[in-house]
């Protein structure tokens, strides 16, 4: 081999060694990069899984909360409907009483007014079935009033006592509405004992 060939062979050998060295460095950098990328991907996957877990837990909690709220609303609507039925039953019982009990209830309402005076109005149905001594009974209750012989059919049941511009509405619907909150509490306790 001539000296030129030796130089070329030496250069070639150095080049091949350098290329091998560069390839080894490149492989090392490639492996380090892949390792870092896999580690970052694993961290990202872990963070993503954690976020998905948190989001799932939030969605589940929101769903359970919504479900509980809907359940409470259904229970409240059912209770409200049952209370309304009970109040309707009470009202229908009151207006359906036999004459004696019906007018005893009216006199009890009159006693609740205390001492007062004026004119008592009834609807047509009640006016037609008034006991003959109703005026005396009202007087004994503390209500010194005349009984109007003109019916007031705006009254569903019970009576209205008028004294000039002052009016005491003692119709059963009015009494129930005035005492509605107390009635609802009593009905609620009786119907929905835990």
C-alpha atoms as a PDB file:
ATOM      1  CA  UNK A   1       0.000   0.000   0.000  1.00  0.00           C
ATOM      2  CA  UNK A   2       1.354   3.342  -0.988  1.00  0.00           C
ATOM      3  CA  UNK A   3       1.660   6.237   1.347  1.00  0.00           C
ATOM      4  CA  UNK A   4      -1.311   7.989  -0.324  1.00  0.00           C
ATOM      5  CA  UNK A   5      -3.405   4.895   0.152  1.00  0.00           C
ATOM      6  CA  UNK A   6      -2.257   4.700   3.749  1.00  0.00           C
ATOM      7  CA  UNK A   7      -3.278   8.298   4.330  1.00  0.00           C
ATOM      8  CA  UNK A   8      -6.649   7.676   2.685  1.00  0.00           C
ATOM      9  CA  UNK A   9      -7.109   4.484   4.702  1.00  0.00           C
ATOM     10  CA  UNK A  10      -6.174   6.366   7.866  1.00  0.00           C
ATOM     11  CA  UNK A  11      -8.605   9.196   7.014  1.00  0.00           C
ATOM     12  CA  UNK A  12     -11.264   6.638   6.193  1.00  0.00           C
ATOM     13  CA  UNK A  13     -10.630   4.856   9.486  1.00  0.00           C
ATOM     14  CA  UNK A  14     -10.800   8.149  11.407  1.00  0.00           C
ATOM     15  CA  UNK A  15     -14.001   9.046   9.557  1.00  0.00           C
ATOM     16  CA  UNK A  16     -15.525   5.657  10.290  1.00  0.00           C
ATOM     17  CA  UNK A  17     -14.481   5.937  13.936  1.00  0.00           C
ATOM     18  CA  UNK A  18     -15.929   9.452  14.107  1.00  0.00           C
ATOM     19  CA  UNK A  19     -19.127   8.295  12.388  1.00  0.00           C
ATOM     20  CA  UNK A  20     -19.401   5.406  14.874  1.00  0.00           C
ATOM     21  CA  UNK A  21     -18.768   7.849  17.710  1.00  0.00           C
ATOM     22  CA  UNK A  22     -21.431  10.264  16.351  1.00  0.00           C
ATOM     23  CA  UNK A  23     -23.880   7.347  15.862  1.00  0.00           C
ATOM     24  CA  UNK A  24     -23.230   6.181  19.439  1.00  0.00           C
ATOM     25  CA  UNK A  25     -23.797   9.723  20.729  1.00  0.00           C
ATOM     26  CA  UNK A  26     -26.937  10.025  18.591  1.00  0.00           C
ATOM     27  CA  UNK A  27     -28.209   6.666  19.882  1.00  0.00           C
ATOM     28  CA  UNK A  28     -27.495   7.806  23.455  1.00  0.00           C
ATOM     29  CA  UNK A  29     -29.295  11.138  22.879  1.00  0.00           C
ATOM     30  CA  UNK A  30     -32.149   9.254  21.147  1.00  0.00           C
ATOM     31  CA  UNK A  31     -32.493   6.835  24.064  1.00  0.00           C
ATOM     32  CA  UNK A  32     -32.362   9.713  26.588  1.00  0.00           C
ATOM     33  CA  UNK A  33     -34.976  11.646  24.582  1.00  0.00           C
ATOM     34  CA  UNK A  34     -37.223   8.571  24.298  1.00  0.00           C
ATOM     35  CA  UNK A  35     -36.813   7.913  28.029  1.00  0.00           C
ATOM     36  CA  UNK A  36     -37.678  11.554  28.867  1.00  0.00           C
ATOM     37  CA  UNK A  37     -40.642  11.468  26.450  1.00  0.00           C
ATOM     38  CA  UNK A  38     -41.944   8.232  27.967  1.00  0.00           C
ATOM     39  CA  UNK A  39     -41.531   9.671  31.475  1.00  0.00           C
ATOM     40  CA  UNK A  40     -43.360  12.886  30.461  1.00  0.00           C
ATOM     41  CA  UNK A  41     -46.073  10.857  28.704  1.00  0.00           C
ATOM     42  CA  UNK A  42     -46.475   8.765  31.848  1.00  0.00           C
ATOM     43  CA  UNK A  43     -46.729  11.941  33.980  1.00  0.00           C
ATOM     44  CA  UNK A  44     -49.224  13.453  31.538  1.00  0.00           C
ATOM     45  CA  UNK A  45     -51.216  10.195  31.522  1.00  0.00           C
ATOM     46  CA  UNK A  46     -51.159  10.145  35.350  1.00  0.00           C
ATOM     47  CA  UNK A  47     -52.291  13.806  35.505  1.00  0.00           C
ATOM     48  CA  UNK A  48     -54.974  13.062  32.900  1.00  0.00           C
ATOM     49  CA  UNK A  49     -56.174  10.008  34.806  1.00  0.00           C
ATOM     50  CA  UNK A  50     -56.266  12.090  38.007  1.00  0.00           C
ATOM     51  CA  UNK A  51     -58.231  14.843  36.239  1.00  0.00           C
ATOM     52  CA  UNK A  52     -60.613  12.270  34.776  1.00  0.00           C
ATOM     53  CA  UNK A  53     -61.026  10.730  38.234  1.00  0.00           C
ATOM     54  CA  UNK A  54     -61.732  14.146  39.791  1.00  0.00           C
ATOM     55  CA  UNK A  55     -64.152  15.041  36.989  1.00  0.00           C
ATOM     56  CA  UNK A  56     -65.899  11.675  37.382  1.00  0.00           C
ATOM     57  CA  UNK A  57     -66.195  12.205  41.128  1.00  0.00           C
ATOM     58  CA  UNK A  58     -67.582  15.727  40.578  1.00  0.00           C
ATOM     59  CA  UNK A  59     -70.102  14.462  38.012  1.00  0.00           C
ATOM     60  CA  UNK A  60     -71.139  11.615  40.297  1.00  0.00           C
ATOM     61  CA  UNK A  61     -71.544  14.001  43.247  1.00  0.00           C
ATOM     62  CA  UNK A  62     -73.559  16.422  41.097  1.00  0.00           C
ATOM     63  CA  UNK A  63     -75.756  13.586  39.844  1.00  0.00           C
ATOM     64  CA  UNK A  64     -76.343  12.308  43.390  1.00  0.00           C
ATOM     65  CA  UNK A  65     -77.117  15.839  44.574  1.00  0.00           C
ATOM     66  CA  UNK A  66     -79.561  16.352  41.704  1.00  0.00           C
ATOM     67  CA  UNK A  67     -81.134  12.972  42.417  1.00  0.00           C
ATOM     68  CA  UNK A  68     -81.540  13.812  46.124  1.00  0.00           C
ATOM     69  CA  UNK A  69     -83.037  17.214  45.269  1.00  0.00           C
ATOM     70  CA  UNK A  70     -85.507  15.623  42.856  1.00  0.00           C
ATOM     71  CA  UNK A  71     -86.395  13.005  45.476  1.00  0.00           C
ATOM     72  CA  UNK A  72     -87.010  15.749  48.082  1.00  0.00           C
ATOM     73  CA  UNK A  73     -89.113  17.707  45.564  1.00  0.00           C
ATOM     74  CA  UNK A  74     -91.230  14.636  44.802  1.00  0.00           C
ATOM     75  CA  UNK A  75     -91.742  14.029  48.534  1.00  0.00           C
ATOM     76  CA  UNK A  76     -92.645  17.704  49.103  1.00  0.00           C
ATOM     77  CA  UNK A  77     -95.095  17.715  46.170  1.00  0.00           C
ATOM     78  CA  UNK A  78     -96.660  14.504  47.453  1.00  0.00           C
ATOM     79  CA  UNK A  79     -96.938  15.907  50.987  1.00  0.00           C
ATOM     80  CA  UNK A  80     -98.398  19.157  49.637  1.00  0.00           C
ATOM     81  CA  UNK A  81    -100.977  17.205  47.586  1.00  0.00           C
ATOM     82  CA  UNK A  82    -101.920  15.079  50.615  1.00  0.00           C
ATOM     83  CA  UNK A  83    -102.248  18.173  52.815  1.00  0.00           C
ATOM     84  CA  UNK A  84    -104.484  19.818  50.195  1.00  0.00           C
ATOM     85  CA  UNK A  85    -106.633  16.670  50.061  1.00  0.00           C
ATOM     86  CA  UNK A  86    -106.906  16.678  53.851  1.00  0.00           C
ATOM     87  CA  UNK A  87    -107.884  20.374  53.907  1.00  0.00           C
ATOM     88  CA  UNK A  88    -110.482  19.739  51.180  1.00  0.00           C
ATOM     89  CA  UNK A  89    -111.775  16.820  53.250  1.00  0.00           C
ATOM     90  CA  UNK A  90    -112.029  19.045  56.339  1.00  0.00           C
ATOM     91  CA  UNK A  91    -113.909  21.720  54.385  1.00  0.00           C
ATOM     92  CA  UNK A  92    -116.277  19.181  52.812  1.00  0.00           C
ATOM     93  CA  UNK A  93    -116.868  17.645  56.229  1.00  0.00           C
ATOM     94  CA  UNK A  94    -117.697  21.077  57.664  1.00  0.00           C
ATOM     95  CA  UNK A  95    -120.201  22.022  54.952  1.00  0.00           C
ATOM     96  CA  UNK A  96    -121.718  18.543  54.983  1.00  0.00           C
ATOM     97  CA  UNK A  97    -122.525  18.491  58.698  1.00  0.00           C
ATOM     98  CA  UNK A  98    -126.068  17.898  59.824  1.00  0.00           C
ATOM     99  CA  UNK A  99    -127.922  21.111  60.629  1.00  0.00           C
ATOM    100  CA  UNK A 100    -127.494  20.862  64.411  1.00  0.00           C
ATOM    101  CA  UNK A 101    -123.693  20.340  64.270  1.00  0.00           C
ATOM    102  CA  UNK A 102    -123.348  22.863  61.456  1.00  0.00           C
ATOM    103  CA  UNK A 103    -124.986  25.672  63.447  1.00  0.00           C
ATOM    104  CA  UNK A 104    -123.112  24.668  66.621  1.00  0.00           C
ATOM    105  CA  UNK A 105    -119.916  25.259  64.636  1.00  0.00           C
ATOM    106  CA  UNK A 106    -121.261  28.622  63.445  1.00  0.00           C
ATOM    107  CA  UNK A 107    -122.002  29.606  67.051  1.00  0.00           C
ATOM    108  CA  UNK A 108    -118.502  28.545  68.077  1.00  0.00           C
ATOM    109  CA  UNK A 109    -117.151  30.880  65.369  1.00  0.00           C
ATOM    110  CA  UNK A 110    -119.455  33.635  66.685  1.00  0.00           C
ATOM    111  CA  UNK A 111    -118.048  33.157  70.225  1.00  0.00           C
ATOM    112  CA  UNK A 112    -114.535  33.648  68.835  1.00  0.00           C
ATOM    113  CA  UNK A 113    -115.527  37.186  67.782  1.00  0.00           C
ATOM    114  CA  UNK A 114    -116.124  38.325  71.338  1.00  0.00           C
ATOM    115  CA  UNK A 115    -118.541  41.161  72.061  1.00  0.00           C
ATOM    116  CA  UNK A 116    -119.602  42.829  68.832  1.00  0.00           C
ATOM    117  CA  UNK A 117    -122.684  43.919  66.972  1.00  0.00           C
ATOM    118  CA  UNK A 118    -123.950  44.379  63.433  1.00  0.00           C
ATOM    119  CA  UNK A 119    -125.863  42.336  60.898  1.00  0.00           C
ATOM    120  CA  UNK A 120    -125.223  38.654  60.212  1.00  0.00           C
ATOM    121  CA  UNK A 121    -125.471  37.417  56.615  1.00  0.00           C
ATOM    122  CA  UNK A 122    -125.900  33.810  55.459  1.00  0.00           C
ATOM    123  CA  UNK A 123    -126.092  32.216  52.022  1.00  0.00           C
ATOM    124  CA  UNK A 124    -129.461  31.035  50.625  1.00  0.00           C
ATOM    125  CA  UNK A 125    -128.997  27.426  51.718  1.00  0.00           C
ATOM    126  CA  UNK A 126    -128.180  28.322  55.327  1.00  0.00           C
ATOM    127  CA  UNK A 127    -130.781  31.074  55.523  1.00  0.00           C
ATOM    128  CA  UNK A 128    -133.478  28.540  54.588  1.00  0.00           C
ATOM    129  CA  UNK A 129    -132.468  26.171  57.413  1.00  0.00           C
ATOM    130  CA  UNK A 130    -131.680  28.622  60.222  1.00  0.00           C
ATOM    131  CA  UNK A 131    -132.853  27.552  63.678  1.00  0.00           C
ATOM    132  CA  UNK A 132    -135.690  29.775  64.846  1.00  0.00           C
ATOM    133  CA  UNK A 133    -133.740  30.943  67.912  1.00  0.00           C
ATOM    134  CA  UNK A 134    -130.497  31.745  66.081  1.00  0.00           C
ATOM    135  CA  UNK A 135    -130.617  35.453  67.017  1.00  0.00           C
ATOM    136  CA  UNK A 136    -130.844  34.583  70.731  1.00  0.00           C
ATOM    137  CA  UNK A 137    -128.007  32.094  70.372  1.00  0.00           C
ATOM    138  CA  UNK A 138    -125.826  34.738  68.687  1.00  0.00           C
ATOM    139  CA  UNK A 139    -126.661  37.151  71.547  1.00  0.00           C
ATOM    140  CA  UNK A 140    -125.607  34.519  74.126  1.00  0.00           C
ATOM    141  CA  UNK A 141    -122.304  34.195  72.212  1.00  0.00           C
ATOM    142  CA  UNK A 142    -121.671  37.926  72.612  1.00  0.00           C
ATOM    143  CA  UNK A 143    -122.740  38.879  69.100  1.00  0.00           C
ATOM    144  CA  UNK A 144    -125.575  41.395  69.386  1.00  0.00           C
ATOM    145  CA  UNK A 145    -126.679  41.321  65.772  1.00  0.00           C
ATOM    146  CA  UNK A 146    -129.664  41.251  63.510  1.00  0.00           C
ATOM    147  CA  UNK A 147    -130.005  38.363  61.076  1.00  0.00           C
ATOM    148  CA  UNK A 148    -130.412  39.592  57.505  1.00  0.00           C
ATOM    149  CA  UNK A 149    -133.317  38.032  55.639  1.00  0.00           C
ATOM    150  CA  UNK A 150    -131.515  38.698  52.342  1.00  0.00           C
ATOM    151  CA  UNK A 151    -129.138  35.908  51.322  1.00  0.00           C
ATOM    152  CA  UNK A 152    -125.530  36.652  50.401  1.00  0.00           C
ATOM    153  CA  UNK A 153    -124.509  33.856  48.076  1.00  0.00           C
ATOM    154  CA  UNK A 154    -120.939  35.107  47.911  1.00  0.00           C
ATOM    155  CA  UNK A 155    -120.653  33.271  51.242  1.00  0.00           C
ATOM    156  CA  UNK A 156    -119.789  29.600  50.700  1.00  0.00           C
ATOM    157  CA  UNK A 157    -120.701  28.574  54.256  1.00  0.00           C
ATOM    158  CA  UNK A 158    -120.604  30.069  57.723  1.00  0.00           C
ATOM    159  CA  UNK A 159    -121.514  33.749  57.970  1.00  0.00           C
ATOM    160  CA  UNK A 160    -120.350  37.336  57.584  1.00  0.00           C
ATOM    161  CA  UNK A 161    -120.906  39.931  60.301  1.00  0.00           C
ATOM    162  CA  UNK A 162    -121.113  43.500  58.972  1.00  0.00           C
ATOM    163  CA  UNK A 163    -121.080  46.624  61.105  1.00  0.00           C
ATOM    164  CA  UNK A 164    -120.852  49.605  58.779  1.00  0.00           C
ATOM    165  CA  UNK A 165    -117.579  49.367  56.853  1.00  0.00           C
ATOM    166  CA  UNK A 166    -116.233  46.687  59.214  1.00  0.00           C
ATOM    167  CA  UNK A 167    -116.760  43.124  58.053  1.00  0.00           C
ATOM    168  CA  UNK A 168    -115.935  39.907  59.911  1.00  0.00           C
ATOM    169  CA  UNK A 169    -115.738  37.061  57.394  1.00  0.00           C
ATOM    170  CA  UNK A 170    -116.491  33.837  59.247  1.00  0.00           C
ATOM    171  CA  UNK A 171    -117.103  31.718  56.179  1.00  0.00           C
ATOM    172  CA  UNK A 172    -115.544  28.283  56.479  1.00  0.00           C
ATOM    173  CA  UNK A 173    -113.142  28.953  53.586  1.00  0.00           C
ATOM    174  CA  UNK A 174    -112.030  32.200  55.204  1.00  0.00           C
ATOM    175  CA  UNK A 175    -111.530  30.543  58.586  1.00  0.00           C
ATOM    176  CA  UNK A 176    -109.566  27.696  56.996  1.00  0.00           C
ATOM    177  CA  UNK A 177    -107.417  30.171  55.057  1.00  0.00           C
ATOM    178  CA  UNK A 178    -106.781  32.256  58.192  1.00  0.00           C
ATOM    179  CA  UNK A 179    -105.701  29.154  60.116  1.00  0.00           C
ATOM    180  CA  UNK A 180    -104.147  27.399  57.102  1.00  0.00           C
ATOM    181  CA  UNK A 181    -100.585  27.385  58.418  1.00  0.00           C
ATOM    182  CA  UNK A 182    -101.624  25.856  61.750  1.00  0.00           C
ATOM    183  CA  UNK A 183    -103.892  23.349  60.001  1.00  0.00           C
ATOM    184  CA  UNK A 184    -101.090  22.351  57.619  1.00  0.00           C
ATOM    185  CA  UNK A 185     -98.702  21.843  60.541  1.00  0.00           C
ATOM    186  CA  UNK A 186    -101.191  19.595  62.344  1.00  0.00           C
ATOM    187  CA  UNK A 187    -102.007  17.623  59.196  1.00  0.00           C
ATOM    188  CA  UNK A 188     -98.315  17.316  58.331  1.00  0.00           C
ATOM    189  CA  UNK A 189     -97.480  15.957  61.772  1.00  0.00           C
ATOM    190  CA  UNK A 190    -100.347  13.469  61.655  1.00  0.00           C
ATOM    191  CA  UNK A 191     -99.847  12.286  58.078  1.00  0.00           C
ATOM    192  CA  UNK A 192     -96.062  12.244  57.915  1.00  0.00           C
ATOM    193  CA  UNK A 193     -94.787  11.059  61.256  1.00  0.00           C
ATOM    194  CA  UNK A 194     -91.281   9.687  60.913  1.00  0.00           C
END
